[in-house]
């Protein structure tokens, strides 16, 4: 974890962002008081829960029956 004054951070923002991508946390300060934190962004991958759509999907009884509109194409 690095403590960086906001004025210094303005001059070296690209370097601070590169450090955050590498996993470092940077605390921005003003008058020696912490005001913000730059941390790496990680997107949590959600795992599918099997059975979570149970009861929400309905398949009609005639789902695989031939369509009347296509009778001439099936002859």
PDB file of N, CA and C in Angstrom:
ATOM      1  N   UNK A   1       0.850  -1.174   0.000  1.00  0.00           N
ATOM      2  CA  UNK A   1       0.000   0.000   0.000  1.00  0.00           C
ATOM      3  C   UNK A   1       0.893   1.233   0.000  1.00  0.00           C
ATOM      4  N   UNK A   2       0.604   2.132  -0.932  1.00  0.00           N
ATOM      5  CA  UNK A   2       1.362   3.374  -1.046  1.00  0.00           C
ATOM      6  C   UNK A   2       0.487   4.553  -0.641  1.00  0.00           C
ATOM      7  N   UNK A   3       1.089   5.505   0.053  1.00  0.00           N
ATOM      8  CA  UNK A   3       0.407   6.766   0.348  1.00  0.00           C
ATOM      9  C   UNK A   3       0.997   7.826  -0.567  1.00  0.00           C
ATOM     10  N   UNK A   4       0.143   8.471  -1.369  1.00  0.00           N
ATOM     11  CA  UNK A   4       0.584   9.467  -2.340  1.00  0.00           C
ATOM     12  C   UNK A   4      -0.261  10.718  -2.159  1.00  0.00           C
ATOM     13  N   UNK A   5       0.401  11.864  -2.101  1.00  0.00           N
ATOM     14  CA  UNK A   5      -0.316  13.138  -2.037  1.00  0.00           C
ATOM     15  C   UNK A   5      -1.024  13.358  -3.363  1.00  0.00           C
ATOM     16  N   UNK A   6      -2.186  13.960  -3.315  1.00  0.00           N
ATOM     17  CA  UNK A   6      -3.008  14.164  -4.508  1.00  0.00           C
ATOM     18  C   UNK A   6      -2.273  14.984  -5.566  1.00  0.00           C
ATOM     19  N   UNK A   7      -1.474  15.931  -5.158  1.00  0.00           N
ATOM     20  CA  UNK A   7      -0.710  16.736  -6.123  1.00  0.00           C
ATOM     21  C   UNK A   7       0.327  15.887  -6.851  1.00  0.00           C
ATOM     22  N   UNK A   8       0.969  14.968  -6.147  1.00  0.00           N
ATOM     23  CA  UNK A   8       1.915  14.058  -6.788  1.00  0.00           C
ATOM     24  C   UNK A   8       1.173  13.084  -7.699  1.00  0.00           C
ATOM     25  N   UNK A   9      -0.006  12.689  -7.298  1.00  0.00           N
ATOM     26  CA  UNK A   9      -0.784  11.726  -8.078  1.00  0.00           C
ATOM     27  C   UNK A   9      -1.202  12.310  -9.421  1.00  0.00           C
ATOM     28  N   UNK A  10      -1.480  13.604  -9.445  1.00  0.00           N
ATOM     29  CA  UNK A  10      -1.850  14.243 -10.706  1.00  0.00           C
ATOM     30  C   UNK A  10      -0.734  14.111 -11.732  1.00  0.00           C
ATOM     31  N   UNK A  11       0.490  14.215 -11.284  1.00  0.00           N
ATOM     32  CA  UNK A  11       1.630  14.155 -12.192  1.00  0.00           C
ATOM     33  C   UNK A  11       1.962  12.738 -12.624  1.00  0.00           C
ATOM     34  N   UNK A  12       1.563  11.748 -11.845  1.00  0.00           N
ATOM     35  CA  UNK A  12       1.969  10.370 -12.160  1.00  0.00           C
ATOM     36  C   UNK A  12       0.787   9.399 -12.175  1.00  0.00           C
ATOM     37  N   UNK A  13      -0.322   9.847 -12.718  1.00  0.00           N
ATOM     38  CA  UNK A  13      -1.523   9.015 -12.717  1.00  0.00           C
ATOM     39  C   UNK A  13      -1.317   7.717 -13.500  1.00  0.00           C
ATOM     40  N   UNK A  14      -0.674   7.793 -14.663  1.00  0.00           N
ATOM     41  CA  UNK A  14      -0.456   6.572 -15.452  1.00  0.00           C
ATOM     42  C   UNK A  14       0.364   5.549 -14.671  1.00  0.00           C
ATOM     43  N   UNK A  15       1.392   5.991 -13.986  1.00  0.00           N
ATOM     44  CA  UNK A  15       2.212   5.076 -13.192  1.00  0.00           C
ATOM     45  C   UNK A  15       1.408   4.461 -12.050  1.00  0.00           C
ATOM     46  N   UNK A  16       0.550   5.256 -11.430  1.00  0.00           N
ATOM     47  CA  UNK A  16      -0.275   4.746 -10.332  1.00  0.00           C
ATOM     48  C   UNK A  16      -1.289   3.717 -10.837  1.00  0.00           C
ATOM     49  N   UNK A  17      -1.858   3.966 -12.010  1.00  0.00           N
ATOM     50  CA  UNK A  17      -2.807   3.012 -12.574  1.00  0.00           C
ATOM     51  C   UNK A  17      -2.102   1.717 -12.956  1.00  0.00           C
ATOM     52  N   UNK A  18      -0.900   1.806 -13.492  1.00  0.00           N
ATOM     53  CA  UNK A  18      -0.130   0.596 -13.798  1.00  0.00           C
ATOM     54  C   UNK A  18       0.156  -0.203 -12.529  1.00  0.00           C
ATOM     55  N   UNK A  19       0.473   0.498 -11.445  1.00  0.00           N
ATOM     56  CA  UNK A  19       0.732  -0.173 -10.180  1.00  0.00           C
ATOM     57  C   UNK A  19      -0.539  -0.865  -9.670  1.00  0.00           C
ATOM     58  N   UNK A  20      -1.691  -0.223  -9.861  1.00  0.00           N
ATOM     59  CA  UNK A  20      -2.955  -0.820  -9.433  1.00  0.00           C
ATOM     60  C   UNK A  20      -3.255  -2.074 -10.241  1.00  0.00           C
ATOM     61  N   UNK A  21      -2.966  -2.038 -11.531  1.00  0.00           N
ATOM     62  CA  UNK A  21      -3.187  -3.221 -12.370  1.00  0.00           C
ATOM     63  C   UNK A  21      -2.314  -4.377 -11.897  1.00  0.00           C
ATOM     64  N   UNK A  22      -1.128  -4.068 -11.403  1.00  0.00           N
ATOM     65  CA  UNK A  22      -0.229  -5.111 -10.889  1.00  0.00           C
ATOM     66  C   UNK A  22      -0.651  -5.605  -9.504  1.00  0.00           C
ATOM     67  N   UNK A  23      -1.692  -5.019  -8.922  1.00  0.00           N
ATOM     68  CA  UNK A  23      -2.214  -5.522  -7.658  1.00  0.00           C
ATOM     69  C   UNK A  23      -1.942  -4.640  -6.444  1.00  0.00           C
ATOM     70  N   UNK A  24      -1.273  -3.510  -6.628  1.00  0.00           N
ATOM     71  CA  UNK A  24      -0.989  -2.635  -5.489  1.00  0.00           C
ATOM     72  C   UNK A  24      -2.196  -1.758  -5.175  1.00  0.00           C
ATOM     73  N   UNK A  25      -2.322  -1.391  -3.912  1.00  0.00           N
ATOM     74  CA  UNK A  25      -3.341  -0.428  -3.500  1.00  0.00           C
ATOM     75  C   UNK A  25      -2.647   0.898  -3.234  1.00  0.00           C
ATOM     76  N   UNK A  26      -3.221   1.969  -3.755  1.00  0.00           N
ATOM     77  CA  UNK A  26      -2.647   3.296  -3.590  1.00  0.00           C
ATOM     78  C   UNK A  26      -3.669   4.164  -2.864  1.00  0.00           C
ATOM     79  N   UNK A  27      -3.244   4.783  -1.769  1.00  0.00           N
ATOM     80  CA  UNK A  27      -4.104   5.691  -1.007  1.00  0.00           C
ATOM     81  C   UNK A  27      -3.720   7.116  -1.390  1.00  0.00           C
ATOM     82  N   UNK A  28      -4.697   7.875  -1.852  1.00  0.00           N
ATOM     83  CA  UNK A  28      -4.466   9.279  -2.174  1.00  0.00           C
ATOM     84  C   UNK A  28      -4.771  10.116  -0.933  1.00  0.00           C
ATOM     85  N   UNK A  29      -3.884  11.065  -0.658  1.00  0.00           N
ATOM     86  CA  UNK A  29      -4.045  11.898   0.544  1.00  0.00           C
ATOM     87  C   UNK A  29      -4.070  13.372   0.174  1.00  0.00           C
ATOM     88  N   UNK A  30      -4.694  14.136   1.042  1.00  0.00           N
ATOM     89  CA  UNK A  30      -4.663  15.604   0.949  1.00  0.00           C
ATOM     90  C   UNK A  30      -4.452  16.097   2.372  1.00  0.00           C
ATOM     91  N   UNK A  31      -3.417  16.874   2.562  1.00  0.00           N
ATOM     92  CA  UNK A  31      -3.057  17.370   3.898  1.00  0.00           C
ATOM     93  C   UNK A  31      -2.870  16.211   4.877  1.00  0.00           C
ATOM     94  N   UNK A  32      -2.226  15.156   4.397  1.00  0.00           N
ATOM     95  CA  UNK A  32      -1.901  13.964   5.179  1.00  0.00           C
ATOM     96  C   UNK A  32      -3.129  13.175   5.643  1.00  0.00           C
ATOM     97  N   UNK A  33      -4.289  13.448   5.059  1.00  0.00           N
ATOM     98  CA  UNK A  33      -5.516  12.726   5.374  1.00  0.00           C
ATOM     99  C   UNK A  33      -5.932  11.886   4.154  1.00  0.00           C
ATOM    100  N   UNK A  34      -6.206  10.619   4.333  1.00  0.00           N
ATOM    101  CA  UNK A  34      -6.623   9.802   3.192  1.00  0.00           C
ATOM    102  C   UNK A  34      -7.967  10.270   2.637  1.00  0.00           C
ATOM    103  N   UNK A  35      -8.048  10.363   1.300  1.00  0.00           N
ATOM    104  CA  UNK A  35      -9.296  10.813   0.673  1.00  0.00           C
ATOM    105  C   UNK A  35      -9.839   9.813  -0.351  1.00  0.00           C
ATOM    106  N   UNK A  36      -8.955   8.968  -0.906  1.00  0.00           N
ATOM    107  CA  UNK A  36      -9.420   7.998  -1.906  1.00  0.00           C
ATOM    108  C   UNK A  36      -8.426   6.849  -1.996  1.00  0.00           C
ATOM    109  N   UNK A  37      -8.907   5.756  -2.579  1.00  0.00           N
ATOM    110  CA  UNK A  37      -8.049   4.591  -2.745  1.00  0.00           C
ATOM    111  C   UNK A  37      -8.146   4.116  -4.187  1.00  0.00           C
ATOM    112  N   UNK A  38      -7.008   3.842  -4.789  1.00  0.00           N
ATOM    113  CA  UNK A  38      -6.969   3.242  -6.114  1.00  0.00           C
ATOM    114  C   UNK A  38      -6.624   1.774  -5.909  1.00  0.00           C
ATOM    115  N   UNK A  39      -7.518   0.905  -6.351  1.00  0.00           N
ATOM    116  CA  UNK A  39      -7.326  -0.536  -6.185  1.00  0.00           C
ATOM    117  C   UNK A  39      -7.530  -1.211  -7.541  1.00  0.00           C
ATOM    118  N   UNK A  40      -6.972  -2.401  -7.709  1.00  0.00           N
ATOM    119  CA  UNK A  40      -7.197  -3.092  -8.978  1.00  0.00           C
ATOM    120  C   UNK A  40      -8.657  -3.503  -9.113  1.00  0.00           C
ATOM    121  N   UNK A  41      -9.162  -3.405 -10.312  1.00  0.00           N
ATOM    122  CA  UNK A  41     -10.543  -3.791 -10.591  1.00  0.00           C
ATOM    123  C   UNK A  41     -10.564  -5.273 -10.932  1.00  0.00           C
ATOM    124  N   UNK A  42     -11.325  -6.022 -10.183  1.00  0.00           N
ATOM    125  CA  UNK A  42     -11.485  -7.441 -10.482  1.00  0.00           C
ATOM    126  C   UNK A  42     -12.962  -7.708 -10.643  1.00  0.00           C
ATOM    127  N   UNK A  43     -13.291  -8.386 -11.721  1.00  0.00           N
ATOM    128  CA  UNK A  43     -14.681  -8.700 -11.977  1.00  0.00           C
ATOM    129  C   UNK A  43     -14.941 -10.137 -11.557  1.00  0.00           C
ATOM    130  N   UNK A  44     -15.848 -10.281 -10.650  1.00  0.00           N
ATOM    131  CA  UNK A  44     -16.166 -11.600 -10.132  1.00  0.00           C
ATOM    132  C   UNK A  44     -16.969 -12.369 -11.168  1.00  0.00           C
ATOM    133  N   UNK A  45     -16.508 -13.561 -11.476  1.00  0.00           N
ATOM    134  CA  UNK A  45     -17.221 -14.401 -12.426  1.00  0.00           C
ATOM    135  C   UNK A  45     -18.273 -15.205 -11.676  1.00  0.00           C
ATOM    136  N   UNK A  46     -19.499 -15.005 -12.067  1.00  0.00           N
ATOM    137  CA  UNK A  46     -20.603 -15.708 -11.428  1.00  0.00           C
ATOM    138  C   UNK A  46     -20.712 -17.114 -12.008  1.00  0.00           C
ATOM    139  N   UNK A  47     -20.814 -18.076 -11.147  1.00  0.00           N
ATOM    140  CA  UNK A  47     -20.974 -19.454 -11.582  1.00  0.00           C
ATOM    141  C   UNK A  47     -22.465 -19.748 -11.707  1.00  0.00           C
ATOM    142  N   UNK A  48     -22.850 -20.455 -12.760  1.00  0.00           N
ATOM    143  CA  UNK A  48     -24.269 -20.772 -12.902  1.00  0.00           C
ATOM    144  C   UNK A  48     -24.724 -21.728 -11.800  1.00  0.00           C
ATOM    145  N   UNK A  49     -25.911 -21.496 -11.338  1.00  0.00           N
ATOM    146  CA  UNK A  49     -26.500 -22.399 -10.340  1.00  0.00           C
ATOM    147  C   UNK A  49     -27.467 -23.302 -11.086  1.00  0.00           C
ATOM    148  N   UNK A  50     -27.154 -24.561 -11.159  1.00  0.00           N
ATOM    149  CA  UNK A  50     -27.991 -25.493 -11.875  1.00  0.00           C
ATOM    150  C   UNK A  50     -29.332 -25.641 -11.160  1.00  0.00           C
ATOM    151  N   UNK A  51     -30.383 -25.582 -11.956  1.00  0.00           N
ATOM    152  CA  UNK A  51     -31.721 -25.700 -11.417  1.00  0.00           C
ATOM    153  C   UNK A  51     -32.337 -24.367 -11.040  1.00  0.00           C
ATOM    154  N   UNK A  52     -31.631 -23.263 -11.263  1.00  0.00           N
ATOM    155  CA  UNK A  52     -32.150 -21.959 -10.839  1.00  0.00           C
ATOM    156  C   UNK A  52     -33.320 -21.489 -11.701  1.00  0.00           C
ATOM    157  N   UNK A  53     -33.509 -22.063 -12.907  1.00  0.00           N
ATOM    158  CA  UNK A  53     -34.628 -21.676 -13.773  1.00  0.00           C
ATOM    159  C   UNK A  53     -35.777 -22.677 -13.690  1.00  0.00           C
ATOM    160  N   UNK A  54     -35.698 -23.602 -12.764  1.00  0.00           N
ATOM    161  CA  UNK A  54     -36.739 -24.624 -12.638  1.00  0.00           C
ATOM    162  C   UNK A  54     -38.091 -23.951 -12.401  1.00  0.00           C
ATOM    163  N   UNK A  55     -39.068 -24.361 -13.205  1.00  0.00           N
ATOM    164  CA  UNK A  55     -40.414 -23.817 -13.075  1.00  0.00           C
ATOM    165  C   UNK A  55     -40.636 -22.557 -13.887  1.00  0.00           C
ATOM    166  N   UNK A  56     -39.611 -21.998 -14.493  1.00  0.00           N
ATOM    167  CA  UNK A  56     -39.752 -20.759 -15.270  1.00  0.00           C
ATOM    168  C   UNK A  56     -39.868 -21.020 -16.772  1.00  0.00           C
ATOM    169  N   UNK A  57     -39.498 -22.204 -17.204  1.00  0.00           N
ATOM    170  CA  UNK A  57     -39.506 -22.523 -18.625  1.00  0.00           C
ATOM    171  C   UNK A  57     -40.562 -23.592 -18.868  1.00  0.00           C
ATOM    172  N   UNK A  58     -41.373 -23.376 -19.885  1.00  0.00           N
ATOM    173  CA  UNK A  58     -42.416 -24.332 -20.234  1.00  0.00           C
ATOM    174  C   UNK A  58     -42.224 -24.727 -21.688  1.00  0.00           C
ATOM    175  N   UNK A  59     -42.149 -26.006 -21.962  1.00  0.00           N
ATOM    176  CA  UNK A  59     -42.053 -26.530 -23.321  1.00  0.00           C
ATOM    177  C   UNK A  59     -43.400 -27.134 -23.671  1.00  0.00           C
ATOM    178  N   UNK A  60     -43.972 -26.651 -24.777  1.00  0.00           N
ATOM    179  CA  UNK A  60     -45.292 -27.120 -25.200  1.00  0.00           C
ATOM    180  C   UNK A  60     -45.226 -28.594 -25.581  1.00  0.00           C
ATOM    181  N   UNK A  61     -46.359 -29.292 -25.412  1.00  0.00           N
ATOM    182  CA  UNK A  61     -46.435 -30.711 -25.736  1.00  0.00           C
ATOM    183  C   UNK A  61     -46.129 -30.966 -27.209  1.00  0.00           C
ATOM    184  N   UNK A  62     -46.564 -30.044 -28.090  1.00  0.00           N
ATOM    185  CA  UNK A  62     -46.353 -30.222 -29.527  1.00  0.00           C
ATOM    186  C   UNK A  62     -45.119 -29.465 -30.026  1.00  0.00           C
ATOM    187  N   UNK A  63     -44.141 -29.307 -29.185  1.00  0.00           N
ATOM    188  CA  UNK A  63     -42.934 -28.545 -29.516  1.00  0.00           C
ATOM    189  C   UNK A  63     -42.278 -29.037 -30.804  1.00  0.00           C
ATOM    190  N   UNK A  64     -42.175 -30.354 -30.973  1.00  0.00           N
ATOM    191  CA  UNK A  64     -41.468 -30.885 -32.131  1.00  0.00           C
ATOM    192  C   UNK A  64     -42.410 -31.362 -33.244  1.00  0.00           C
ATOM    193  N   UNK A  65     -43.674 -30.991 -33.154  1.00  0.00           N
ATOM    194  CA  UNK A  65     -44.634 -31.347 -34.201  1.00  0.00           C
ATOM    195  C   UNK A  65     -44.382 -30.463 -35.427  1.00  0.00           C
ATOM    196  N   UNK A  66     -44.623 -31.003 -36.638  1.00  0.00           N
ATOM    197  CA  UNK A  66     -44.421 -30.195 -37.849  1.00  0.00           C
ATOM    198  C   UNK A  66     -45.380 -29.010 -37.880  1.00  0.00           C
ATOM    199  N   UNK A  67     -44.917 -27.903 -38.424  1.00  0.00           N
ATOM    200  CA  UNK A  67     -45.741 -26.704 -38.524  1.00  0.00           C
ATOM    201  C   UNK A  67     -46.608 -26.789 -39.769  1.00  0.00           C
ATOM    202  N   UNK A  68     -47.855 -26.356 -39.649  1.00  0.00           N
ATOM    203  CA  UNK A  68     -48.785 -26.406 -40.775  1.00  0.00           C
ATOM    204  C   UNK A  68     -48.313 -25.511 -41.916  1.00  0.00           C
ATOM    205  N   UNK A  69     -47.661 -24.431 -41.620  1.00  0.00           N
ATOM    206  CA  UNK A  69     -47.187 -23.504 -42.654  1.00  0.00           C
ATOM    207  C   UNK A  69     -46.140 -24.145 -43.557  1.00  0.00           C
ATOM    208  N   UNK A  70     -45.480 -25.189 -43.108  1.00  0.00           N
ATOM    209  CA  UNK A  70     -44.408 -25.795 -43.880  1.00  0.00           C
ATOM    210  C   UNK A  70     -44.800 -27.144 -44.487  1.00  0.00           C
ATOM    211  N   UNK A  71     -46.119 -27.434 -44.540  1.00  0.00           N
ATOM    212  CA  UNK A  71     -46.581 -28.696 -45.104  1.00  0.00           C
ATOM    213  C   UNK A  71     -46.078 -28.897 -46.528  1.00  0.00           C
ATOM    214  N   UNK A  72     -46.163 -27.870 -47.354  1.00  0.00           N
ATOM    215  CA  UNK A  72     -45.771 -28.004 -48.770  1.00  0.00           C
ATOM    216  C   UNK A  72     -44.272 -28.296 -48.910  1.00  0.00           C
ATOM    217  N   UNK A  73     -43.445 -27.904 -47.939  1.00  0.00           N
ATOM    218  CA  UNK A  73     -42.008 -28.143 -48.023  1.00  0.00           C
ATOM    219  C   UNK A  73     -41.626 -29.545 -47.555  1.00  0.00           C
ATOM    220  N   UNK A  74     -42.481 -30.202 -46.806  1.00  0.00           N
ATOM    221  CA  UNK A  74     -42.151 -31.515 -46.273  1.00  0.00           C
ATOM    222  C   UNK A  74     -42.642 -32.662 -47.150  1.00  0.00           C
ATOM    223  N   UNK A  75     -43.327 -32.378 -48.225  1.00  0.00           N
ATOM    224  CA  UNK A  75     -43.859 -33.414 -49.125  1.00  0.00           C
ATOM    225  C   UNK A  75     -42.841 -33.787 -50.146  1.00  0.00           C
TER     226      UNK A  75
END
